[in-house]
C-alpha atoms as a PDB file:
ATOM      1  CA  MET A   1     104.015 143.124  96.976  1.00  0.00           C
ATOM      2  CA  THR A   2     102.319 139.744  96.923  1.00  0.00           C
ATOM      3  CA  HIS A   3     102.450 136.880  99.841  1.00  0.00           C
ATOM      4  CA  LEU A   4     102.458 133.909  98.039  1.00  0.00           C
ATOM      5  CA  THR A   5     106.399 132.877  98.585  1.00  0.00           C
ATOM      6  CA  TYR A   6     105.344 133.077 102.299  1.00  0.00           C
ATOM      7  CA  ILE A   7     102.048 131.394 101.914  1.00  0.00           C
ATOM      8  CA  MET A   8     103.506 128.337  99.690  1.00  0.00           C
ATOM      9  CA  ALA A   9     106.559 128.479 102.116  1.00  0.00           C
ATOM     10  CA  ALA A  10     104.407 127.736 105.095  1.00  0.00           C
ATOM     11  CA  TYR A  11     102.020 124.906 103.011  1.00  0.00           C
ATOM     12  CA  GLY A  12     104.854 123.092 101.804  1.00  0.00           C
ATOM     13  CA  LEU A  13     106.840 122.865 105.834  1.00  0.00           C
ATOM     14  CA  THR A  14     103.354 122.323 106.628  1.00  0.00           C
ATOM     15  CA  VAL A  15     102.824 119.250 104.436  1.00  0.00           C
ATOM     16  CA  LEU A  16     106.480 118.352 104.733  1.00  0.00           C
ATOM     17  CA  VAL A  17     105.907 118.078 108.403  1.00  0.00           C
ATOM     18  CA  ALA A  18     102.830 116.183 107.939  1.00  0.00           C
ATOM     19  CA  GLY A  19     104.612 113.528 106.060  1.00  0.00           C
ATOM     20  CA  VAL A  20     107.643 113.007 108.363  1.00  0.00           C
ATOM     21  CA  PHE A  21     104.852 112.460 111.197  1.00  0.00           C
ATOM     22  CA  ALA A  22     103.157 109.814 108.763  1.00  0.00           C
ATOM     23  CA  VAL A  23     106.492 108.114 107.699  1.00  0.00           C
ATOM     24  CA  ASP A  24     107.668 108.542 111.620  1.00  0.00           C
ATOM     25  CA  ALA A  25     103.890 106.678 112.533  1.00  0.00           C
ATOM     26  CA  TRP A  26     104.364 103.908 110.020  1.00  0.00           C
ATOM     27  CA  ALA A  27     107.484 102.664 110.989  1.00  0.00           C
ATOM     28  CA  ARG A  28     106.942 102.611 114.748  1.00  0.00           C
ATOM     29  CA  MET A  29     103.790 100.680 114.036  1.00  0.00           C
ATOM     30  CA  GLY A  30     105.876  98.197 112.138  1.00  0.00           C
ATOM     31  CA  ARG A  31     108.296  97.988 114.952  1.00  0.00           C
ATOM     32  CA  ALA A  32     105.458  97.451 117.410  1.00  0.00           C
ATOM     33  CA  ARG A  33     103.870  94.989 115.385  1.00  0.00           C
ATOM     34  CA  ARG A  34     107.485  92.984 115.100  1.00  0.00           C
ATOM     35  CA  ARG A  35     108.369  93.207 118.699  1.00  0.00           C
ATOM     36  CA  LEU A  36     104.386  91.908 119.420  1.00  0.00           C
ATOM     37  CA  ALA A  37     105.157  88.877 117.259  1.00  0.00           C
ATOM     38  CA  ALA A  38     108.217  87.903 118.626  1.00  0.00           C
ATOM     39  CA  ILE A  39     106.733  88.095 122.438  1.00  0.00           C
ATOM     40  CA  ASP A  40     103.110  86.993 121.851  1.00  0.00           C
ATOM     41  CA  PRO A  41     102.343  83.506 120.813  1.00  0.00           C
ATOM     42  CA  ARG A  42      99.338  83.782 119.726  1.00  0.00           C
ATOM     43  CA  ALA A  43     100.607  85.796 116.735  1.00  0.00           C
ATOM     44  CA  ASN A  44     100.708  83.159 114.198  1.00  0.00           C
ATOM     45  CA  ARG A  45      96.733  82.833 114.442  1.00  0.00           C
END
């Protein structure tokens, strides 16, 4: 019996979770930049 299925699932889940975290961080940074631009008059420099 091989453990290849378990290993592939573990790596796949790890990559999926890391991807979700990366996309969420990217989206949050975009929202933060838009909020800062709305309240900071120096943002247009």
